[in-house]
């Protein structure tokens, strides 16, 4: 696996399938363990959602899981934008609706 630096954020090239998907403008899926504070309860079960959740970045949007249970998703077209701060270890998304900002903490 080759590693290329783009600014201060590392970029990795993967298998031939990943490279072809990137060339065609298709995104793969990546998962990250993040800390959140905006989701208090699972909207389906009503169970308390922990601070540490899984953030899945996929081809259509961002999905947030508590274990294997989905608790929230945000389609890319509903996002106004996002920012990442390597200094503060934060990943923030801003939703178009109401300009609501959601903050995640991750190394």
PDB file of N, CA and C in Angstrom:
ATOM      1  N   UNK A   1       0.854  -1.178   0.000  1.00  0.00           N
ATOM      2  CA  UNK A   1       0.000   0.000   0.000  1.00  0.00           C
ATOM      3  C   UNK A   1       0.896   1.235   0.000  1.00  0.00           C
ATOM      4  N   UNK A   2       0.746   2.084  -1.010  1.00  0.00           N
ATOM      5  CA  UNK A   2       1.535   3.300  -1.113  1.00  0.00           C
ATOM      6  C   UNK A   2       0.889   4.390  -0.282  1.00  0.00           C
ATOM      7  N   UNK A   3       1.705   5.300   0.189  1.00  0.00           N
ATOM      8  CA  UNK A   3       1.184   6.419   0.960  1.00  0.00           C
ATOM      9  C   UNK A   3       1.652   7.713   0.324  1.00  0.00           C
ATOM     10  N   UNK A   4       0.732   8.628   0.117  1.00  0.00           N
ATOM     11  CA  UNK A   4       1.020   9.913  -0.505  1.00  0.00           C
ATOM     12  C   UNK A   4       0.524  10.989   0.435  1.00  0.00           C
ATOM     13  N   UNK A   5       1.239  12.086   0.524  1.00  0.00           N
ATOM     14  CA  UNK A   5       0.812  13.158   1.415  1.00  0.00           C
ATOM     15  C   UNK A   5       0.147  14.263   0.618  1.00  0.00           C
ATOM     16  N   UNK A   6      -1.040  14.636   1.053  1.00  0.00           N
ATOM     17  CA  UNK A   6      -1.783  15.740   0.451  1.00  0.00           C
ATOM     18  C   UNK A   6      -1.985  16.779   1.534  1.00  0.00           C
ATOM     19  N   UNK A   7      -1.182  17.815   1.538  1.00  0.00           N
ATOM     20  CA  UNK A   7      -1.248  18.783   2.637  1.00  0.00           C
ATOM     21  C   UNK A   7      -0.731  18.118   3.887  1.00  0.00           C
ATOM     22  N   UNK A   8      -1.479  18.203   4.965  1.00  0.00           N
ATOM     23  CA  UNK A   8      -1.053  17.583   6.210  1.00  0.00           C
ATOM     24  C   UNK A   8      -1.823  16.304   6.508  1.00  0.00           C
ATOM     25  N   UNK A   9      -2.765  15.939   5.614  1.00  0.00           N
ATOM     26  CA  UNK A   9      -3.560  14.743   5.851  1.00  0.00           C
ATOM     27  C   UNK A   9      -3.047  13.600   4.995  1.00  0.00           C
ATOM     28  N   UNK A  10      -2.785  12.417   5.581  1.00  0.00           N
ATOM     29  CA  UNK A  10      -2.278  11.296   4.788  1.00  0.00           C
ATOM     30  C   UNK A  10      -3.344  10.742   3.858  1.00  0.00           C
ATOM     31  N   UNK A  11      -2.924  10.363   2.669  1.00  0.00           N
ATOM     32  CA  UNK A  11      -3.818   9.760   1.689  1.00  0.00           C
ATOM     33  C   UNK A  11      -3.189   8.442   1.284  1.00  0.00           C
ATOM     34  N   UNK A  12      -3.957   7.375   1.299  1.00  0.00           N
ATOM     35  CA  UNK A  12      -3.428   6.067   0.934  1.00  0.00           C
ATOM     36  C   UNK A  12      -4.098   5.566  -0.325  1.00  0.00           C
ATOM     37  N   UNK A  13      -3.318   4.925  -1.156  1.00  0.00           N
ATOM     38  CA  UNK A  13      -3.903   4.263  -2.306  1.00  0.00           C
ATOM     39  C   UNK A  13      -4.024   2.793  -1.957  1.00  0.00           C
ATOM     40  N   UNK A  14      -5.086   2.171  -2.401  1.00  0.00           N
ATOM     41  CA  UNK A  14      -5.347   0.794  -2.002  1.00  0.00           C
ATOM     42  C   UNK A  14      -5.198  -0.178  -3.141  1.00  0.00           C
ATOM     43  N   UNK A  15      -6.090  -1.131  -3.185  1.00  0.00           N
ATOM     44  CA  UNK A  15      -6.046  -2.168  -4.193  1.00  0.00           C
ATOM     45  C   UNK A  15      -6.445  -1.606  -5.546  1.00  0.00           C
ATOM     46  N   UNK A  16      -6.281  -2.410  -6.580  1.00  0.00           N
ATOM     47  CA  UNK A  16      -6.674  -1.984  -7.925  1.00  0.00           C
ATOM     48  C   UNK A  16      -8.161  -1.653  -7.991  1.00  0.00           C
ATOM     49  N   UNK A  17      -8.988  -2.396  -7.250  1.00  0.00           N
ATOM     50  CA  UNK A  17     -10.428  -2.127  -7.227  1.00  0.00           C
ATOM     51  C   UNK A  17     -10.693  -0.754  -6.623  1.00  0.00           C
ATOM     52  N   UNK A  18     -10.020  -0.440  -5.519  1.00  0.00           N
ATOM     53  CA  UNK A  18     -10.169   0.877  -4.891  1.00  0.00           C
ATOM     54  C   UNK A  18      -9.708   1.982  -5.831  1.00  0.00           C
ATOM     55  N   UNK A  19      -8.571   1.746  -6.511  1.00  0.00           N
ATOM     56  CA  UNK A  19      -8.052   2.744  -7.443  1.00  0.00           C
ATOM     57  C   UNK A  19      -9.022   2.974  -8.594  1.00  0.00           C
ATOM     58  N   UNK A  20      -9.618   1.897  -9.121  1.00  0.00           N
ATOM     59  CA  UNK A  20     -10.588   2.027 -10.203  1.00  0.00           C
ATOM     60  C   UNK A  20     -11.827   2.770  -9.725  1.00  0.00           C
ATOM     61  N   UNK A  21     -12.318   2.445  -8.517  1.00  0.00           N
ATOM     62  CA  UNK A  21     -13.488   3.126  -7.967  1.00  0.00           C
ATOM     63  C   UNK A  21     -13.206   4.616  -7.813  1.00  0.00           C
ATOM     64  N   UNK A  22     -11.994   4.960  -7.351  1.00  0.00           N
ATOM     65  CA  UNK A  22     -11.639   6.366  -7.199  1.00  0.00           C
ATOM     66  C   UNK A  22     -11.594   7.052  -8.557  1.00  0.00           C
ATOM     67  N   UNK A  23     -11.022   6.380  -9.537  1.00  0.00           N
ATOM     68  CA  UNK A  23     -10.923   6.942 -10.880  1.00  0.00           C
ATOM     69  C   UNK A  23     -12.299   7.185 -11.483  1.00  0.00           C
ATOM     70  N   UNK A  24     -13.248   6.321 -11.180  1.00  0.00           N
ATOM     71  CA  UNK A  24     -14.609   6.460 -11.701  1.00  0.00           C
ATOM     72  C   UNK A  24     -15.458   7.400 -10.849  1.00  0.00           C
ATOM     73  N   UNK A  25     -14.877   7.948  -9.788  1.00  0.00           N
ATOM     74  CA  UNK A  25     -15.607   8.873  -8.935  1.00  0.00           C
ATOM     75  C   UNK A  25     -16.469   8.187  -7.903  1.00  0.00           C
ATOM     76  N   UNK A  26     -16.239   6.911  -7.658  1.00  0.00           N
ATOM     77  CA  UNK A  26     -17.009   6.158  -6.672  1.00  0.00           C
ATOM     78  C   UNK A  26     -16.225   6.125  -5.370  1.00  0.00           C
ATOM     79  N   UNK A  27     -16.920   6.180  -4.265  1.00  0.00           N
ATOM     80  CA  UNK A  27     -16.271   6.169  -2.969  1.00  0.00           C
ATOM     81  C   UNK A  27     -16.394   4.802  -2.322  1.00  0.00           C
ATOM     82  N   UNK A  28     -15.360   4.397  -1.624  1.00  0.00           N
ATOM     83  CA  UNK A  28     -15.434   3.189  -0.833  1.00  0.00           C
ATOM     84  C   UNK A  28     -16.023   3.528   0.523  1.00  0.00           C
ATOM     85  N   UNK A  29     -16.044   2.572   1.412  1.00  0.00           N
ATOM     86  CA  UNK A  29     -16.563   2.816   2.754  1.00  0.00           C
ATOM     87  C   UNK A  29     -15.428   2.703   3.754  1.00  0.00           C
ATOM     88  N   UNK A  30     -15.411   3.601   4.699  1.00  0.00           N
ATOM     89  CA  UNK A  30     -14.434   3.585   5.792  1.00  0.00           C
ATOM     90  C   UNK A  30     -15.189   3.744   7.093  1.00  0.00           C
ATOM     91  N   UNK A  31     -14.701   3.115   8.154  1.00  0.00           N
ATOM     92  CA  UNK A  31     -15.327   3.272   9.465  1.00  0.00           C
ATOM     93  C   UNK A  31     -14.299   3.822  10.451  1.00  0.00           C
ATOM     94  N   UNK A  32     -14.796   4.632  11.387  1.00  0.00           N
ATOM     95  CA  UNK A  32     -13.949   5.277  12.375  1.00  0.00           C
ATOM     96  C   UNK A  32     -14.647   5.225  13.727  1.00  0.00           C
ATOM     97  N   UNK A  33     -13.888   5.032  14.778  1.00  0.00           N
ATOM     98  CA  UNK A  33     -14.426   5.137  16.126  1.00  0.00           C
ATOM     99  C   UNK A  33     -14.310   6.599  16.525  1.00  0.00           C
ATOM    100  N   UNK A  34     -15.445   7.194  16.891  1.00  0.00           N
ATOM    101  CA  UNK A  34     -15.477   8.613  17.227  1.00  0.00           C
ATOM    102  C   UNK A  34     -16.244   8.815  18.532  1.00  0.00           C
ATOM    103  N   UNK A  35     -16.059   9.969  19.132  1.00  0.00           N
ATOM    104  CA  UNK A  35     -16.840  10.356  20.311  1.00  0.00           C
ATOM    105  C   UNK A  35     -17.839  11.419  19.873  1.00  0.00           C
ATOM    106  N   UNK A  36     -19.049  11.301  20.377  1.00  0.00           N
ATOM    107  CA  UNK A  36     -20.114  12.239  20.038  1.00  0.00           C
ATOM    108  C   UNK A  36     -20.859  12.618  21.300  1.00  0.00           C
ATOM    109  N   UNK A  37     -21.609  13.710  21.235  1.00  0.00           N
ATOM    110  CA  UNK A  37     -22.411  14.109  22.389  1.00  0.00           C
ATOM    111  C   UNK A  37     -23.814  14.555  21.991  1.00  0.00           C
ATOM    112  N   UNK A  38     -24.114  14.551  20.688  1.00  0.00           N
ATOM    113  CA  UNK A  38     -25.407  15.076  20.248  1.00  0.00           C
ATOM    114  C   UNK A  38     -26.523  14.038  20.221  1.00  0.00           C
ATOM    115  N   UNK A  39     -26.205  12.740  20.166  1.00  0.00           N
ATOM    116  CA  UNK A  39     -27.241  11.695  20.150  1.00  0.00           C
ATOM    117  C   UNK A  39     -27.376  11.154  21.564  1.00  0.00           C
ATOM    118  N   UNK A  40     -28.514  11.400  22.164  1.00  0.00           N
ATOM    119  CA  UNK A  40     -28.725  10.944  23.544  1.00  0.00           C
ATOM    120  C   UNK A  40     -29.368   9.561  23.596  1.00  0.00           C
ATOM    121  N   UNK A  41     -30.387   9.334  22.744  1.00  0.00           N
ATOM    122  CA  UNK A  41     -31.116   8.061  22.747  1.00  0.00           C
ATOM    123  C   UNK A  41     -31.279   7.536  21.336  1.00  0.00           C
ATOM    124  N   UNK A  42     -31.280   6.201  21.226  1.00  0.00           N
ATOM    125  CA  UNK A  42     -31.546   5.552  19.950  1.00  0.00           C
ATOM    126  C   UNK A  42     -32.982   5.880  19.547  1.00  0.00           C
ATOM    127  N   UNK A  43     -33.207   6.432  18.347  1.00  0.00           N
ATOM    128  CA  UNK A  43     -34.551   6.834  17.955  1.00  0.00           C
ATOM    129  C   UNK A  43     -35.533   5.675  17.814  1.00  0.00           C
ATOM    130  N   UNK A  44     -35.029   4.464  17.632  1.00  0.00           N
ATOM    131  CA  UNK A  44     -35.917   3.303  17.479  1.00  0.00           C
ATOM    132  C   UNK A  44     -36.190   2.628  18.816  1.00  0.00           C
ATOM    133  N   UNK A  45     -35.114   2.290  19.542  1.00  0.00           N
ATOM    134  CA  UNK A  45     -35.275   1.527  20.789  1.00  0.00           C
ATOM    135  C   UNK A  45     -35.419   2.406  22.024  1.00  0.00           C
ATOM    136  N   UNK A  46     -34.984   3.651  21.947  1.00  0.00           N
ATOM    137  CA  UNK A  46     -35.019   4.520  23.111  1.00  0.00           C
ATOM    138  C   UNK A  46     -33.865   4.298  24.066  1.00  0.00           C
ATOM    139  N   UNK A  47     -32.978   3.340  23.731  1.00  0.00           N
ATOM    140  CA  UNK A  47     -31.830   3.050  24.587  1.00  0.00           C
ATOM    141  C   UNK A  47     -30.822   4.199  24.535  1.00  0.00           C
ATOM    142  N   UNK A  48     -30.106   4.384  25.621  1.00  0.00           N
ATOM    143  CA  UNK A  48     -29.087   5.426  25.693  1.00  0.00           C
ATOM    144  C   UNK A  48     -27.958   5.101  24.706  1.00  0.00           C
ATOM    145  N   UNK A  49     -27.512   6.102  23.950  1.00  0.00           N
ATOM    146  CA  UNK A  49     -26.411   5.938  23.007  1.00  0.00           C
ATOM    147  C   UNK A  49     -25.128   6.378  23.702  1.00  0.00           C
ATOM    148  N   UNK A  50     -24.079   5.538  23.668  1.00  0.00           N
ATOM    149  CA  UNK A  50     -22.836   5.911  24.339  1.00  0.00           C
ATOM    150  C   UNK A  50     -22.115   7.055  23.624  1.00  0.00           C
ATOM    151  N   UNK A  51     -21.170   7.648  24.301  1.00  0.00           N
ATOM    152  CA  UNK A  51     -20.379   8.725  23.689  1.00  0.00           C
ATOM    153  C   UNK A  51     -19.520   8.187  22.554  1.00  0.00           C
ATOM    154  N   UNK A  52     -18.985   6.965  22.687  1.00  0.00           N
ATOM    155  CA  UNK A  52     -18.147   6.385  21.648  1.00  0.00           C
ATOM    156  C   UNK A  52     -19.014   5.565  20.694  1.00  0.00           C
ATOM    157  N   UNK A  53     -19.007   5.940  19.423  1.00  0.00           N
ATOM    158  CA  UNK A  53     -19.814   5.293  18.389  1.00  0.00           C
ATOM    159  C   UNK A  53     -18.938   5.035  17.164  1.00  0.00           C
ATOM    160  N   UNK A  54     -19.514   4.378  16.173  1.00  0.00           N
ATOM    161  CA  UNK A  54     -18.819   4.127  14.919  1.00  0.00           C
ATOM    162  C   UNK A  54     -19.388   5.043  13.853  1.00  0.00           C
ATOM    163  N   UNK A  55     -18.516   5.763  13.168  1.00  0.00           N
ATOM    164  CA  UNK A  55     -18.901   6.631  12.066  1.00  0.00           C
ATOM    165  C   UNK A  55     -18.479   5.939  10.782  1.00  0.00           C
ATOM    166  N   UNK A  56     -19.439   5.656   9.925  1.00  0.00           N
ATOM    167  CA  UNK A  56     -19.169   4.993   8.648  1.00  0.00           C
ATOM    168  C   UNK A  56     -19.333   6.027   7.539  1.00  0.00           C
ATOM    169  N   UNK A  57     -18.276   6.243   6.788  1.00  0.00           N
ATOM    170  CA  UNK A  57     -18.297   7.176   5.671  1.00  0.00           C
ATOM    171  C   UNK A  57     -18.447   6.336   4.419  1.00  0.00           C
ATOM    172  N   UNK A  58     -19.590   6.480   3.750  1.00  0.00           N
ATOM    173  CA  UNK A  58     -19.879   5.650   2.589  1.00  0.00           C
ATOM    174  C   UNK A  58     -20.117   6.458   1.336  1.00  0.00           C
ATOM    175  N   UNK A  59     -20.560   5.793   0.309  1.00  0.00           N
ATOM    176  CA  UNK A  59     -20.772   6.417  -0.983  1.00  0.00           C
ATOM    177  C   UNK A  59     -21.897   7.429  -1.015  1.00  0.00           C
ATOM    178  N   UNK A  60     -22.880   7.305  -0.111  1.00  0.00           N
ATOM    179  CA  UNK A  60     -24.032   8.206  -0.136  1.00  0.00           C
ATOM    180  C   UNK A  60     -24.087   9.165   1.045  1.00  0.00           C
ATOM    181  N   UNK A  61     -23.339   8.856   2.115  1.00  0.00           N
ATOM    182  CA  UNK A  61     -23.413   9.728   3.273  1.00  0.00           C
ATOM    183  C   UNK A  61     -22.678   9.178   4.468  1.00  0.00           C
ATOM    184  N   UNK A  62     -22.975   9.764   5.621  1.00  0.00           N
ATOM    185  CA  UNK A  62     -22.374   9.381   6.889  1.00  0.00           C
ATOM    186  C   UNK A  62     -23.402   8.630   7.716  1.00  0.00           C
ATOM    187  N   UNK A  63     -23.002   7.495   8.264  1.00  0.00           N
ATOM    188  CA  UNK A  63     -23.885   6.696   9.110  1.00  0.00           C
ATOM    189  C   UNK A  63     -23.228   6.532  10.470  1.00  0.00           C
ATOM    190  N   UNK A  64     -24.041   6.647  11.521  1.00  0.00           N
ATOM    191  CA  UNK A  64     -23.538   6.521  12.883  1.00  0.00           C
ATOM    192  C   UNK A  64     -24.170   5.288  13.518  1.00  0.00           C
ATOM    193  N   UNK A  65     -23.306   4.426  14.083  1.00  0.00           N
ATOM    194  CA  UNK A  65     -23.756   3.169  14.669  1.00  0.00           C
ATOM    195  C   UNK A  65     -23.371   3.074  16.129  1.00  0.00           C
ATOM    196  N   UNK A  66     -24.258   2.482  16.915  1.00  0.00           N
ATOM    197  CA  UNK A  66     -23.989   2.093  18.294  1.00  0.00           C
ATOM    198  C   UNK A  66     -23.857   0.582  18.246  1.00  0.00           C
ATOM    199  N   UNK A  67     -22.615   0.089  18.270  1.00  0.00           N
ATOM    200  CA  UNK A  67     -22.396  -1.326  18.006  1.00  0.00           C
ATOM    201  C   UNK A  67     -22.757  -1.559  16.546  1.00  0.00           C
ATOM    202  N   UNK A  68     -23.625  -2.478  16.253  1.00  0.00           N
ATOM    203  CA  UNK A  68     -24.064  -2.698  14.886  1.00  0.00           C
ATOM    204  C   UNK A  68     -25.406  -2.054  14.579  1.00  0.00           C
ATOM    205  N   UNK A  69     -25.929  -1.272  15.515  1.00  0.00           N
ATOM    206  CA  UNK A  69     -27.262  -0.691  15.368  1.00  0.00           C
ATOM    207  C   UNK A  69     -27.162   0.739  14.843  1.00  0.00           C
ATOM    208  N   UNK A  70     -27.759   1.017  13.672  1.00  0.00           N
ATOM    209  CA  UNK A  70     -27.719   2.388  13.160  1.00  0.00           C
ATOM    210  C   UNK A  70     -28.564   3.319  14.028  1.00  0.00           C
ATOM    211  N   UNK A  71     -28.010   4.491  14.355  1.00  0.00           N
ATOM    212  CA  UNK A  71     -28.743   5.444  15.185  1.00  0.00           C
ATOM    213  C   UNK A  71     -28.960   6.790  14.490  1.00  0.00           C
ATOM    214  N   UNK A  72     -28.192   7.058  13.426  1.00  0.00           N
ATOM    215  CA  UNK A  72     -28.365   8.326  12.716  1.00  0.00           C
ATOM    216  C   UNK A  72     -27.645   8.234  11.373  1.00  0.00           C
ATOM    217  N   UNK A  73     -28.177   8.929  10.356  1.00  0.00           N
ATOM    218  CA  UNK A  73     -27.455   9.025   9.091  1.00  0.00           C
ATOM    219  C   UNK A  73     -27.666  10.399   8.483  1.00  0.00           C
ATOM    220  N   UNK A  74     -26.686  10.806   7.689  1.00  0.00           N
ATOM    221  CA  UNK A  74     -26.725  12.110   7.034  1.00  0.00           C
ATOM    222  C   UNK A  74     -26.275  11.929   5.590  1.00  0.00           C
ATOM    223  N   UNK A  75     -27.174  12.138   4.646  1.00  0.00           N
ATOM    224  CA  UNK A  75     -26.825  12.039   3.238  1.00  0.00           C
ATOM    225  C   UNK A  75     -26.003  13.257   2.846  1.00  0.00           C
ATOM    226  N   UNK A  76     -25.080  13.068   1.917  1.00  0.00           N
ATOM    227  CA  UNK A  76     -24.188  14.162   1.529  1.00  0.00           C
ATOM    228  C   UNK A  76     -24.953  15.385   1.021  1.00  0.00           C
ATOM    229  N   UNK A  77     -26.050  15.167   0.284  1.00  0.00           N
ATOM    230  CA  UNK A  77     -26.772  16.324  -0.252  1.00  0.00           C
ATOM    231  C   UNK A  77     -27.414  17.167   0.846  1.00  0.00           C
ATOM    232  N   UNK A  78     -27.543  16.617   2.067  1.00  0.00           N
ATOM    233  CA  UNK A  78     -28.123  17.368   3.187  1.00  0.00           C
ATOM    234  C   UNK A  78     -27.051  18.097   3.999  1.00  0.00           C
ATOM    235  N   UNK A  79     -25.780  17.932   3.613  1.00  0.00           N
ATOM    236  CA  UNK A  79     -24.693  18.586   4.331  1.00  0.00           C
ATOM    237  C   UNK A  79     -24.326  19.900   3.662  1.00  0.00           C
ATOM    238  N   UNK A  80     -24.130  20.905   4.475  1.00  0.00           N
ATOM    239  CA  UNK A  80     -23.637  22.181   3.960  1.00  0.00           C
ATOM    240  C   UNK A  80     -22.124  22.100   3.780  1.00  0.00           C
ATOM    241  N   UNK A  81     -21.473  21.353   4.676  1.00  0.00           N
ATOM    242  CA  UNK A  81     -20.027  21.190   4.599  1.00  0.00           C
ATOM    243  C   UNK A  81     -19.485  20.484   5.821  1.00  0.00           C
ATOM    244  N   UNK A  82     -18.166  20.331   5.856  1.00  0.00           N
ATOM    245  CA  UNK A  82     -17.518  19.702   6.989  1.00  0.00           C
ATOM    246  C   UNK A  82     -16.110  20.250   7.127  1.00  0.00           C
ATOM    247  N   UNK A  83     -15.560  20.106   8.327  1.00  0.00           N
ATOM    248  CA  UNK A  83     -14.188  20.524   8.600  1.00  0.00           C
ATOM    249  C   UNK A  83     -13.519  19.477   9.481  1.00  0.00           C
ATOM    250  N   UNK A  84     -12.203  19.388   9.359  1.00  0.00           N
ATOM    251  CA  UNK A  84     -11.410  18.496  10.191  1.00  0.00           C
ATOM    252  C   UNK A  84     -10.255  19.297  10.765  1.00  0.00           C
ATOM    253  N   UNK A  85     -10.052  19.199  12.061  1.00  0.00           N
ATOM    254  CA  UNK A  85      -8.929  19.863  12.710  1.00  0.00           C
ATOM    255  C   UNK A  85      -8.007  18.794  13.291  1.00  0.00           C
ATOM    256  N   UNK A  86      -6.854  18.654  12.683  1.00  0.00           N
ATOM    257  CA  UNK A  86      -5.883  17.684  13.186  1.00  0.00           C
ATOM    258  C   UNK A  86      -5.342  18.130  14.538  1.00  0.00           C
ATOM    259  N   UNK A  87      -5.241  19.429  14.737  1.00  0.00           N
ATOM    260  CA  UNK A  87      -4.741  19.988  16.001  1.00  0.00           C
ATOM    261  C   UNK A  87      -5.668  19.658  17.171  1.00  0.00           C
ATOM    262  N   UNK A  88      -6.999  19.754  16.947  1.00  0.00           N
ATOM    263  CA  UNK A  88      -7.975  19.508  18.022  1.00  0.00           C
ATOM    264  C   UNK A  88      -8.597  18.119  17.955  1.00  0.00           C
ATOM    265  N   UNK A  89      -8.251  17.339  16.923  1.00  0.00           N
ATOM    266  CA  UNK A  89      -8.815  15.995  16.723  1.00  0.00           C
ATOM    267  C   UNK A  89     -10.332  16.028  16.595  1.00  0.00           C
ATOM    268  N   UNK A  90     -10.846  17.013  15.839  1.00  0.00           N
ATOM    269  CA  UNK A  90     -12.292  17.114  15.660  1.00  0.00           C
ATOM    270  C   UNK A  90     -12.666  17.015  14.192  1.00  0.00           C
ATOM    271  N   UNK A  91     -13.823  16.437  13.956  1.00  0.00           N
ATOM    272  CA  UNK A  91     -14.440  16.358  12.640  1.00  0.00           C
ATOM    273  C   UNK A  91     -15.842  16.906  12.823  1.00  0.00           C
ATOM    274  N   UNK A  92     -16.152  18.018  12.179  1.00  0.00           N
ATOM    275  CA  UNK A  92     -17.447  18.673  12.341  1.00  0.00           C
ATOM    276  C   UNK A  92     -18.190  18.673  11.015  1.00  0.00           C
ATOM    277  N   UNK A  93     -19.488  18.398  11.069  1.00  0.00           N
ATOM    278  CA  UNK A  93     -20.322  18.528   9.878  1.00  0.00           C
ATOM    279  C   UNK A  93     -21.362  19.610  10.144  1.00  0.00           C
ATOM    280  N   UNK A  94     -21.713  20.330   9.103  1.00  0.00           N
ATOM    281  CA  UNK A  94     -22.758  21.336   9.200  1.00  0.00           C
ATOM    282  C   UNK A  94     -23.876  20.927   8.258  1.00  0.00           C
ATOM    283  N   UNK A  95     -25.080  20.805   8.821  1.00  0.00           N
ATOM    284  CA  UNK A  95     -26.248  20.422   8.033  1.00  0.00           C
ATOM    285  C   UNK A  95     -26.855  21.649   7.379  1.00  0.00           C
ATOM    286  N   UNK A  96     -27.397  21.479   6.178  1.00  0.00           N
ATOM    287  CA  UNK A  96     -28.066  22.590   5.491  1.00  0.00           C
ATOM    288  C   UNK A  96     -29.278  23.066   6.283  1.00  0.00           C
ATOM    289  N   UNK A  97     -30.055  22.127   6.793  1.00  0.00           N
ATOM    290  CA  UNK A  97     -31.266  22.468   7.543  1.00  0.00           C
ATOM    291  C   UNK A  97     -30.889  23.123   8.868  1.00  0.00           C
ATOM    292  N   UNK A  98     -31.163  24.400   8.978  1.00  0.00           N
ATOM    293  CA  UNK A  98     -30.912  25.117  10.222  1.00  0.00           C
ATOM    294  C   UNK A  98     -29.453  25.374  10.521  1.00  0.00           C
ATOM    295  N   UNK A  99     -28.571  25.072   9.577  1.00  0.00           N
ATOM    296  CA  UNK A  99     -27.118  25.244   9.774  1.00  0.00           C
ATOM    297  C   UNK A  99     -26.636  24.605  11.073  1.00  0.00           C
ATOM    298  N   UNK A 100     -27.242  23.474  11.446  1.00  0.00           N
ATOM    299  CA  UNK A 100     -26.857  22.767  12.667  1.00  0.00           C
ATOM    300  C   UNK A 100     -25.471  22.155  12.498  1.00  0.00           C
ATOM    301  N   UNK A 101     -24.610  22.342  13.503  1.00  0.00           N
ATOM    302  CA  UNK A 101     -23.261  21.793  13.483  1.00  0.00           C
ATOM    303  C   UNK A 101     -23.186  20.595  14.424  1.00  0.00           C
ATOM    304  N   UNK A 102     -22.619  19.501  13.928  1.00  0.00           N
ATOM    305  CA  UNK A 102     -22.436  18.279  14.712  1.00  0.00           C
ATOM    306  C   UNK A 102     -20.953  18.029  14.840  1.00  0.00           C
ATOM    307  N   UNK A 103     -20.499  17.815  16.066  1.00  0.00           N
ATOM    308  CA  UNK A 103     -19.062  17.665  16.334  1.00  0.00           C
ATOM    309  C   UNK A 103     -18.740  16.233  16.741  1.00  0.00           C
ATOM    310  N   UNK A 104     -17.668  15.711  16.160  1.00  0.00           N
ATOM    311  CA  UNK A 104     -17.126  14.406  16.526  1.00  0.00           C
ATOM    312  C   UNK A 104     -15.675  14.611  16.945  1.00  0.00           C
ATOM    313  N   UNK A 105     -15.212  13.799  17.881  1.00  0.00           N
ATOM    314  CA  UNK A 105     -13.816  13.844  18.305  1.00  0.00           C
ATOM    315  C   UNK A 105     -13.193  12.512  17.930  1.00  0.00           C
ATOM    316  N   UNK A 106     -12.054  12.578  17.233  1.00  0.00           N
ATOM    317  CA  UNK A 106     -11.381  11.372  16.794  1.00  0.00           C
ATOM    318  C   UNK A 106      -9.912  11.658  16.538  1.00  0.00           C
ATOM    319  N   UNK A 107      -9.044  10.714  16.883  1.00  0.00           N
ATOM    320  CA  UNK A 107      -7.619  10.898  16.557  1.00  0.00           C
ATOM    321  C   UNK A 107      -7.376  10.652  15.081  1.00  0.00           C
TER     322      UNK A 107
END
